[in-house]
């Protein structure tokens, strides 16, 4: 066997391994796989407006 035939043999083995790995991990997409469940996110319902915060007394006139 010369180096060219050894290279062909090793190249064929490597190509076969790559094809087997590609087959094991499967094709891209949904072929043969169940559909994924889509989670519906509901918008939060409008909250009842809370009572305004209690504020301190309002001083309208400042004595001088």
N, C-alpha and C. Protein backbone atom coordinates (compact mmCIF):
# COMPACT_ATOMS: atom_id res chain seq x y z
N UNK A 1 0.85 -1.18 0.00
CA UNK A 1 0.00 0.00 0.00
C UNK A 1 0.89 1.24 0.00
N UNK A 2 0.57 2.12 -0.89
CA UNK A 2 1.32 3.37 -0.88
C UNK A 2 0.56 4.42 -0.07
N UNK A 3 1.15 5.59 0.12
CA UNK A 3 0.56 6.61 0.99
C UNK A 3 -0.77 7.13 0.45
N UNK A 4 -0.95 7.11 -0.87
CA UNK A 4 -2.22 7.60 -1.45
C UNK A 4 -3.38 6.69 -1.08
N UNK A 5 -3.18 5.40 -1.14
CA UNK A 5 -4.27 4.47 -0.80
C UNK A 5 -4.57 4.51 0.70
N UNK A 6 -3.53 4.72 1.52
CA UNK A 6 -3.77 4.83 2.96
C UNK A 6 -4.58 6.10 3.25
N UNK A 7 -4.26 7.20 2.56
CA UNK A 7 -4.99 8.44 2.75
C UNK A 7 -6.45 8.28 2.31
N UNK A 8 -6.70 7.57 1.23
CA UNK A 8 -8.08 7.32 0.79
C UNK A 8 -8.84 6.50 1.83
N UNK A 9 -8.18 5.49 2.38
CA UNK A 9 -8.82 4.64 3.38
C UNK A 9 -9.15 5.46 4.64
N UNK A 10 -8.19 6.23 5.13
CA UNK A 10 -8.44 7.04 6.32
C UNK A 10 -9.49 8.11 6.04
N UNK A 11 -9.48 8.70 4.86
CA UNK A 11 -10.50 9.70 4.50
C UNK A 11 -11.88 9.08 4.47
N UNK A 12 -11.99 7.88 3.96
CA UNK A 12 -13.28 7.19 3.94
C UNK A 12 -13.78 6.87 5.33
N UNK A 13 -12.87 6.46 6.21
CA UNK A 13 -13.25 6.15 7.59
C UNK A 13 -13.74 7.42 8.29
N UNK A 14 -13.00 8.52 8.11
CA UNK A 14 -13.39 9.77 8.75
C UNK A 14 -14.74 10.24 8.21
N UNK A 15 -14.96 10.13 6.91
CA UNK A 15 -16.24 10.55 6.33
C UNK A 15 -17.38 9.69 6.87
N UNK A 16 -17.15 8.40 7.04
CA UNK A 16 -18.18 7.52 7.57
C UNK A 16 -18.51 7.89 9.02
N UNK A 17 -17.49 8.22 9.82
CA UNK A 17 -17.73 8.60 11.21
C UNK A 17 -18.53 9.89 11.27
N UNK A 18 -18.18 10.86 10.42
CA UNK A 18 -18.92 12.13 10.41
C UNK A 18 -20.37 11.90 10.01
N UNK A 19 -20.63 11.06 9.03
CA UNK A 19 -22.00 10.78 8.62
C UNK A 19 -22.78 10.06 9.72
N UNK A 20 -22.15 9.16 10.43
CA UNK A 20 -22.83 8.46 11.53
C UNK A 20 -23.18 9.44 12.64
N UNK A 21 -22.26 10.33 12.97
CA UNK A 21 -22.53 11.32 14.02
C UNK A 21 -23.67 12.24 13.59
N UNK A 22 -23.67 12.65 12.33
CA UNK A 22 -24.75 13.52 11.84
C UNK A 22 -26.09 12.79 11.89
N UNK A 23 -26.09 11.51 11.60
CA UNK A 23 -27.34 10.75 11.64
C UNK A 23 -27.83 10.56 13.07
N UNK A 24 -26.91 10.35 14.02
CA UNK A 24 -27.28 10.13 15.41
C UNK A 24 -27.91 11.38 16.01
N UNK A 25 -27.31 12.54 15.74
CA UNK A 25 -27.85 13.76 16.32
C UNK A 25 -29.06 14.28 15.57
N UNK A 26 -29.38 13.72 14.45
CA UNK A 26 -30.63 13.99 13.77
C UNK A 26 -30.62 15.25 12.92
N UNK A 27 -31.61 15.33 12.06
CA UNK A 27 -31.72 16.49 11.19
C UNK A 27 -32.23 17.71 11.94
N UNK A 28 -31.99 18.84 11.37
CA UNK A 28 -32.47 20.08 11.96
C UNK A 28 -33.94 20.22 11.58
N UNK A 29 -34.79 20.52 12.54
CA UNK A 29 -36.21 20.68 12.25
C UNK A 29 -37.06 19.73 13.07
N UNK A 30 -38.32 19.60 12.69
CA UNK A 30 -39.28 18.82 13.46
C UNK A 30 -39.53 17.43 12.86
N UNK A 31 -38.69 16.98 11.97
CA UNK A 31 -38.94 15.68 11.33
C UNK A 31 -38.89 14.57 12.38
N UNK A 32 -40.02 13.94 12.63
CA UNK A 32 -40.09 12.81 13.54
C UNK A 32 -40.09 13.19 15.01
N UNK A 33 -40.14 14.46 15.33
CA UNK A 33 -40.14 14.87 16.72
C UNK A 33 -41.49 15.49 17.06
N UNK A 34 -41.95 15.31 18.29
CA UNK A 34 -43.23 15.94 18.66
C UNK A 34 -43.10 17.45 18.67
N UNK A 35 -44.20 18.11 18.41
CA UNK A 35 -44.20 19.58 18.39
C UNK A 35 -44.02 20.10 19.81
N UNK A 36 -43.30 21.17 19.93
CA UNK A 36 -43.07 21.78 21.24
C UNK A 36 -44.32 22.52 21.67
N UNK A 37 -44.59 22.45 22.97
CA UNK A 37 -45.75 23.15 23.50
C UNK A 37 -45.42 24.63 23.65
N UNK A 38 -46.28 25.46 23.15
CA UNK A 38 -46.07 26.89 23.25
C UNK A 38 -46.77 27.39 24.50
N UNK A 39 -46.03 28.06 25.35
CA UNK A 39 -46.62 28.58 26.56
C UNK A 39 -47.23 29.94 26.25
N UNK A 40 -48.51 30.08 26.59
CA UNK A 40 -49.17 31.35 26.36
C UNK A 40 -48.99 32.21 27.60
N UNK A 41 -48.46 33.38 27.39
CA UNK A 41 -48.26 34.29 28.50
C UNK A 41 -49.40 35.29 28.49
N UNK A 42 -50.19 35.24 29.54
CA UNK A 42 -51.33 36.15 29.62
C UNK A 42 -50.87 37.48 30.18
N UNK A 43 -51.43 38.53 29.63
CA UNK A 43 -51.10 39.86 30.13
C UNK A 43 -51.68 40.00 31.53
N UNK A 44 -50.94 40.61 32.42
CA UNK A 44 -51.48 40.76 33.78
C UNK A 44 -52.72 41.65 33.75
N UNK A 45 -53.69 41.26 34.53
CA UNK A 45 -54.93 42.02 34.56
C UNK A 45 -54.68 43.36 35.24
N UNK A 46 -55.46 44.33 34.83
CA UNK A 46 -55.28 45.67 35.38
C UNK A 46 -55.52 45.63 36.89
N UNK A 47 -54.55 46.07 37.61
CA UNK A 47 -54.65 46.07 39.06
C UNK A 47 -55.57 47.20 39.50
N UNK A 48 -56.27 46.97 40.57
CA UNK A 48 -57.14 48.00 41.13
C UNK A 48 -56.23 49.10 41.66
N UNK A 49 -56.46 50.33 41.24
CA UNK A 49 -55.55 51.38 41.71
C UNK A 49 -55.60 51.51 43.22
N UNK A 50 -54.43 51.54 43.80
CA UNK A 50 -54.35 51.62 45.25
C UNK A 50 -54.64 53.05 45.70
N UNK A 51 -55.04 53.19 46.94
CA UNK A 51 -55.31 54.52 47.48
C UNK A 51 -54.00 55.30 47.49
N UNK A 52 -54.06 56.60 47.22
CA UNK A 52 -52.82 57.38 47.21
C UNK A 52 -52.18 57.37 48.59
N UNK A 53 -50.88 57.51 48.59
CA UNK A 53 -50.14 57.49 49.84
C UNK A 53 -50.56 58.68 50.71
N UNK A 54 -50.61 58.47 52.01
CA UNK A 54 -51.00 59.52 52.95
C UNK A 54 -49.83 60.50 53.04
N UNK A 55 -50.13 61.76 52.79
CA UNK A 55 -49.09 62.78 52.85
C UNK A 55 -49.30 63.62 54.09
N UNK A 56 -48.26 64.33 54.49
CA UNK A 56 -48.30 65.18 55.68
C UNK A 56 -49.15 66.42 55.43
N UNK A 57 -49.31 67.24 56.47
CA UNK A 57 -50.12 68.45 56.34
C UNK A 57 -49.50 69.44 55.35
N UNK A 58 -50.36 70.16 54.66
CA UNK A 58 -49.90 71.13 53.68
C UNK A 58 -49.95 72.52 54.33
N UNK A 59 -48.82 73.19 54.36
CA UNK A 59 -48.74 74.53 54.96
C UNK A 59 -48.80 75.51 53.79
N UNK A 60 -49.90 76.24 53.72
CA UNK A 60 -50.08 77.16 52.60
C UNK A 60 -49.52 78.54 52.90
N UNK A 61 -49.58 78.95 54.15
CA UNK A 61 -49.06 80.26 54.51
C UNK A 61 -47.98 80.08 55.58
N UNK A 62 -46.85 80.64 55.31
CA UNK A 62 -45.76 80.53 56.26
C UNK A 62 -45.70 81.80 57.07
N UNK A 63 -45.82 81.75 58.41
CA UNK A 63 -45.75 82.99 59.22
C UNK A 63 -44.35 83.58 59.16
N UNK A 64 -44.30 84.94 59.19
CA UNK A 64 -43.00 85.59 59.11
C UNK A 64 -42.56 86.11 60.42
